[in-house]
């Protein structure tokens, strides 16, 4: 497989392995080969790659009208063939160090990245467990376990092609409570594949 320099740093319009790929809005495209690589400087990058985001921020409980609380989370995002999926977890509570809701989620999404930015949107299912507040005592004593719907969008400004800092917006909706929030996240992708061989430099 021949390696060439990236001429358009984008998953929308990219030259890879000597072929120009353009994804037509509203149309269907097979897309670049799954093992495609491209060059940025003297680094070899994978076109399809896994990435990890982790961060913390705030959440607003829409069901109980509480003040802004703490939210923290970790997401592993990966591809199967040309489709992207997400597995993640989050913890939330009234403030940092006090958590009453533990959540796991899985979703399907769409991704766009270029040399400067990464964006992705996921929709999926969630499972939350924790303790609800009892009105008479104002303490978290009532256990619950609830399935739900989870949505997430993220925008990352890259520091390097495979490292960045960004914002993640999320919503989690189930029979116990509805919650929206925002997190400041660190982004690490598995795009880096190694240094270029001398025979590829300048191509």
Protein backbone atom coordinates (compact mmCIF):
# COMPACT_ATOMS: atom_id res chain seq x y z
CA UNK A 1 0.00 0.00 0.00
CA UNK A 2 1.49 3.33 -1.06
CA UNK A 3 1.57 6.12 1.47
CA UNK A 4 1.07 9.69 0.27
CA UNK A 5 0.99 13.07 1.94
CA UNK A 6 -2.39 14.34 3.05
CA UNK A 7 -3.57 17.03 0.66
CA UNK A 8 -6.87 17.85 2.37
CA UNK A 9 -6.75 17.14 6.10
CA UNK A 10 -10.34 16.02 6.34
CA UNK A 11 -12.52 12.96 6.59
CA UNK A 12 -14.80 14.68 4.05
CA UNK A 13 -12.33 15.34 1.23
CA UNK A 14 -9.05 13.44 1.40
CA UNK A 15 -6.37 11.98 -0.85
CA UNK A 16 -5.26 8.61 0.48
CA UNK A 17 -3.22 5.89 -1.23
CA UNK A 18 -3.26 7.87 -4.46
CA UNK A 19 -7.06 8.15 -4.60
CA UNK A 20 -9.26 11.19 -4.03
CA UNK A 21 -12.33 10.56 -1.85
CA UNK A 22 -15.24 12.97 -1.51
CA UNK A 23 -18.28 12.15 0.62
CA UNK A 24 -21.31 13.59 -1.08
CA UNK A 25 -23.95 15.06 1.29
CA UNK A 26 -27.07 12.99 0.89
CA UNK A 27 -25.25 10.42 -1.23
CA UNK A 28 -23.53 7.15 -0.47
CA UNK A 29 -19.79 6.58 -0.52
CA UNK A 30 -17.86 3.50 0.31
CA UNK A 31 -15.09 5.67 1.71
CA UNK A 32 -11.34 5.11 1.94
CA UNK A 33 -9.94 1.61 2.57
CA UNK A 34 -10.02 0.58 6.21
CA UNK A 35 -6.22 0.35 6.46
CA UNK A 36 -5.62 3.79 4.91
CA UNK A 37 -2.81 5.95 6.26
CA UNK A 38 -1.65 9.46 5.46
CA UNK A 39 1.23 11.74 6.33
CA UNK A 40 1.43 14.91 8.38
CA UNK A 41 5.01 16.15 8.48
CA UNK A 42 7.12 13.08 9.22
CA UNK A 43 4.34 11.24 11.05
CA UNK A 44 2.20 8.46 9.65
CA UNK A 45 -1.47 8.57 10.73
CA UNK A 46 -4.38 6.17 10.48
CA UNK A 47 -7.47 7.51 8.74
CA UNK A 48 -9.88 5.38 10.80
CA UNK A 49 -8.87 5.51 14.46
CA UNK A 50 -10.03 5.07 18.03
CA UNK A 51 -10.09 7.97 20.47
CA UNK A 52 -10.54 8.55 24.19
CA UNK A 53 -12.05 11.57 25.92
CA UNK A 54 -12.07 12.28 29.64
CA UNK A 55 -13.14 15.33 31.58
CA UNK A 56 -15.31 17.06 34.12
CA UNK A 57 -17.84 19.85 34.24
CA UNK A 58 -21.35 20.72 35.35
CA UNK A 59 -24.79 19.20 35.02
CA UNK A 60 -28.33 20.46 35.50
CA UNK A 61 -30.97 18.06 36.84
CA UNK A 62 -34.16 18.96 34.93
CA UNK A 63 -36.43 16.71 36.97
CA UNK A 64 -35.62 17.96 40.47
CA UNK A 65 -34.68 21.58 39.64
CA UNK A 66 -31.53 21.51 41.72
CA UNK A 67 -28.62 23.90 41.44
CA UNK A 68 -25.82 23.08 39.03
CA UNK A 69 -23.93 19.98 40.11
CA UNK A 70 -20.76 18.11 39.21
CA UNK A 71 -20.34 15.77 36.22
CA UNK A 72 -17.31 13.67 35.30
CA UNK A 73 -16.88 11.05 32.63
CA UNK A 74 -14.78 8.89 30.37
CA UNK A 75 -15.60 7.72 26.82
CA UNK A 76 -13.93 5.19 24.54
CA UNK A 77 -14.88 5.76 20.90
CA UNK A 78 -14.02 3.16 18.29
CA UNK A 79 -14.92 1.97 14.80
CA UNK A 80 -16.17 -1.33 13.43
CA UNK A 81 -15.53 -1.24 9.71
CA UNK A 82 -16.45 2.38 8.84
CA UNK A 83 -19.03 2.87 11.61
CA UNK A 84 -18.26 4.60 14.91
CA UNK A 85 -19.45 3.49 18.36
CA UNK A 86 -19.05 4.70 21.91
CA UNK A 87 -18.77 3.07 25.34
CA UNK A 88 -18.62 5.36 28.34
CA UNK A 89 -19.34 6.05 31.97
CA UNK A 90 -20.14 9.10 34.03
CA UNK A 91 -20.63 10.10 37.65
CA UNK A 92 -22.76 13.01 38.81
CA UNK A 93 -23.72 14.61 42.08
CA UNK A 94 -24.39 17.86 43.92
CA UNK A 95 -20.69 18.73 43.95
CA UNK A 96 -17.21 17.27 43.39
CA UNK A 97 -16.62 14.47 45.89
CA UNK A 98 -20.34 13.84 46.47
CA UNK A 99 -21.83 11.51 43.86
CA UNK A 100 -25.28 9.92 43.89
CA UNK A 101 -25.65 8.83 40.24
CA UNK A 102 -23.49 6.34 38.34
CA UNK A 103 -24.16 5.83 34.66
CA UNK A 104 -22.95 3.66 31.77
CA UNK A 105 -23.83 4.29 28.15
CA UNK A 106 -23.33 2.87 24.67
CA UNK A 107 -24.07 4.61 21.40
CA UNK A 108 -23.66 4.95 17.66
CA UNK A 109 -22.32 8.12 16.09
CA UNK A 110 -20.92 10.18 13.29
CA UNK A 111 -17.50 11.82 13.24
CA UNK A 112 -15.63 14.49 11.34
CA UNK A 113 -12.01 15.47 11.86
CA UNK A 114 -9.32 17.46 10.12
CA UNK A 115 -5.89 18.66 11.17
CA UNK A 116 -7.33 21.37 13.42
CA UNK A 117 -10.66 20.12 14.77
CA UNK A 118 -12.55 16.97 15.75
CA UNK A 119 -16.33 16.78 16.11
CA UNK A 120 -18.62 13.84 16.87
CA UNK A 121 -22.24 13.16 17.78
CA UNK A 122 -23.54 10.00 19.45
CA UNK A 123 -26.99 8.67 20.34
CA UNK A 124 -27.56 5.55 22.40
CA UNK A 125 -28.82 3.87 25.52
CA UNK A 126 -27.81 4.34 29.14
CA UNK A 127 -28.13 2.57 32.47
CA UNK A 128 -28.12 4.63 35.65
CA UNK A 129 -28.02 3.56 39.28
CA UNK A 130 -27.78 5.54 42.48
CA UNK A 131 -29.74 7.05 45.32
CA UNK A 132 -32.57 9.56 45.11
CA UNK A 133 -33.26 12.18 47.74
CA UNK A 134 -35.97 11.41 50.30
CA UNK A 135 -38.08 14.54 50.88
CA UNK A 136 -38.75 13.90 54.55
CA UNK A 137 -35.09 13.59 55.49
CA UNK A 138 -33.42 15.44 52.59
CA UNK A 139 -30.89 12.61 52.38
CA UNK A 140 -30.07 10.30 49.48
CA UNK A 141 -31.50 6.99 50.68
CA UNK A 142 -33.87 5.81 47.94
CA UNK A 143 -32.09 3.39 45.56
CA UNK A 144 -32.94 3.34 41.86
CA UNK A 145 -31.83 1.57 38.68
CA UNK A 146 -33.09 2.91 35.37
CA UNK A 147 -32.44 2.43 31.64
CA UNK A 148 -32.52 5.55 29.53
CA UNK A 149 -31.58 7.45 26.39
CA UNK A 150 -28.22 9.19 26.08
CA UNK A 151 -27.04 11.83 23.59
CA UNK A 152 -23.65 13.48 23.33
CA UNK A 153 -21.86 15.94 21.09
CA UNK A 154 -18.22 17.02 21.26
CA UNK A 155 -16.03 19.66 19.68
CA UNK A 156 -12.25 19.48 20.11
CA UNK A 157 -9.51 21.92 19.12
CA UNK A 158 -6.40 19.93 18.32
CA UNK A 159 -3.02 20.72 19.83
CA UNK A 160 -1.48 18.00 17.65
CA UNK A 161 -3.35 15.80 15.18
CA UNK A 162 -3.97 13.17 17.86
CA UNK A 163 -4.19 15.35 21.01
CA UNK A 164 -6.62 18.13 21.84
CA UNK A 165 -8.86 19.95 24.31
CA UNK A 166 -12.54 20.53 23.85
CA UNK A 167 -16.11 20.64 25.11
CA UNK A 168 -18.58 17.77 25.41
CA UNK A 169 -22.34 18.43 25.72
CA UNK A 170 -24.57 15.60 26.93
CA UNK A 171 -28.09 14.67 27.93
CA UNK A 172 -29.35 11.63 29.85
CA UNK A 173 -33.07 10.92 30.10
CA UNK A 174 -34.76 8.15 32.12
CA UNK A 175 -37.80 7.55 34.34
CA UNK A 176 -35.93 8.71 37.46
CA UNK A 177 -34.53 11.97 36.14
CA UNK A 178 -33.53 14.02 33.12
CA UNK A 179 -30.14 15.67 33.05
CA UNK A 180 -28.13 17.86 30.70
CA UNK A 181 -24.58 19.08 31.10
CA UNK A 182 -21.25 20.18 29.70
CA UNK A 183 -17.70 18.97 30.32
CA UNK A 184 -14.23 20.23 29.49
CA UNK A 185 -12.49 17.20 27.99
CA UNK A 186 -9.03 16.06 26.98
CA UNK A 187 -8.85 14.20 23.66
CA UNK A 188 -6.38 11.45 22.76
CA UNK A 189 -6.67 9.52 19.51
CA UNK A 190 -4.93 6.41 18.25
CA UNK A 191 -4.24 7.93 14.84
CA UNK A 192 -0.45 7.95 15.20
CA UNK A 193 1.13 4.91 13.53
CA UNK A 194 4.83 5.82 13.53
CA UNK A 195 7.48 7.79 11.70
CA UNK A 196 7.63 7.88 7.94
CA UNK A 197 10.20 5.78 6.12
CA UNK A 198 12.70 7.85 4.15
CA UNK A 199 11.27 6.57 0.87
CA UNK A 200 7.97 8.36 1.59
CA UNK A 201 9.36 11.76 2.57
CA UNK A 202 8.38 14.58 0.28
CA UNK A 203 5.63 12.64 -1.43
